[in-house]
């Protein structure tokens, strides 16, 4: 079983929480670019990708938190 130190878990948790905010930070740049990806405007594609990535990140955070709760109990 993989053992991760508490400091690494804290850093991982913080990084995973902050990653979705890059969507908001980069949105003005993406909105100016006029490119189609697979026939979809870049802004729509960007939003769709971030919906999927956010779901994956939340799942990882859930697994980290549930593993931490089992360790405490």
Protein backbone atom coordinates (compact mmCIF):
# COMPACT_ATOMS: atom_id res chain seq x y z
CA UNK A 1 0.00 0.00 0.00
CA UNK A 2 1.25 3.45 -0.87
CA UNK A 3 2.15 5.53 2.16
CA UNK A 4 2.24 9.29 1.66
CA UNK A 5 3.45 11.71 4.31
CA UNK A 6 1.00 14.25 5.74
CA UNK A 7 2.91 17.15 4.19
CA UNK A 8 2.69 15.60 0.72
CA UNK A 9 -1.02 14.99 1.19
CA UNK A 10 -1.53 18.63 2.20
CA UNK A 11 0.39 19.85 -0.87
CA UNK A 12 -1.51 17.48 -3.16
CA UNK A 13 -4.83 18.59 -1.70
CA UNK A 14 -3.95 22.27 -2.14
CA UNK A 15 -2.75 21.77 -5.70
CA UNK A 16 -5.86 19.84 -6.68
CA UNK A 17 -8.11 22.48 -5.15
CA UNK A 18 -6.34 25.33 -6.99
CA UNK A 19 -6.13 23.71 -10.44
CA UNK A 20 -9.76 24.42 -11.48
CA UNK A 21 -9.24 28.13 -10.81
CA UNK A 22 -6.85 28.23 -13.76
CA UNK A 23 -9.98 27.83 -15.90
CA UNK A 24 -11.18 31.21 -14.69
CA UNK A 25 -7.74 32.82 -14.90
CA UNK A 26 -7.10 31.80 -18.52
CA UNK A 27 -10.67 32.32 -19.74
CA UNK A 28 -10.11 35.90 -21.04
CA UNK A 29 -7.21 34.69 -23.21
CA UNK A 30 -9.20 31.74 -24.54
CA UNK A 31 -12.16 34.00 -25.33
CA UNK A 32 -10.05 36.16 -27.69
CA UNK A 33 -8.65 33.25 -29.73
CA UNK A 34 -10.88 32.23 -32.65
CA UNK A 35 -10.06 28.57 -33.31
CA UNK A 36 -12.34 25.61 -33.92
CA UNK A 37 -11.40 22.23 -32.47
CA UNK A 38 -13.32 19.30 -33.93
CA UNK A 39 -15.83 21.83 -35.28
CA UNK A 40 -16.43 23.32 -31.83
CA UNK A 41 -15.36 26.85 -30.87
CA UNK A 42 -12.34 26.89 -28.55
CA UNK A 43 -14.28 28.48 -25.69
CA UNK A 44 -16.89 25.70 -25.69
CA UNK A 45 -14.20 23.03 -26.00
CA UNK A 46 -12.25 24.64 -23.13
CA UNK A 47 -15.37 24.66 -20.93
CA UNK A 48 -16.17 21.01 -21.75
CA UNK A 49 -12.61 19.86 -21.00
CA UNK A 50 -12.67 21.67 -17.65
CA UNK A 51 -16.00 20.09 -16.69
CA UNK A 52 -14.42 16.68 -17.22
CA UNK A 53 -11.14 17.62 -15.49
CA UNK A 54 -12.97 19.10 -12.51
CA UNK A 55 -14.93 15.87 -12.07
CA UNK A 56 -11.69 13.87 -12.16
CA UNK A 57 -10.01 16.24 -9.66
CA UNK A 58 -12.98 16.03 -7.28
CA UNK A 59 -12.84 12.22 -7.49
CA UNK A 60 -9.14 12.24 -6.62
CA UNK A 61 -9.77 14.60 -3.70
CA UNK A 62 -12.53 12.31 -2.46
CA UNK A 63 -10.20 9.31 -2.56
CA UNK A 64 -7.46 11.21 -0.71
CA UNK A 65 -9.91 12.40 1.96
CA UNK A 66 -11.50 8.97 2.45
CA UNK A 67 -8.05 7.39 2.77
CA UNK A 68 -7.12 10.01 5.39
CA UNK A 69 -10.33 9.32 7.36
CA UNK A 70 -9.63 5.59 7.40
CA UNK A 71 -6.12 6.27 8.68
CA UNK A 72 -7.47 8.46 11.53
CA UNK A 73 -10.23 6.06 12.61
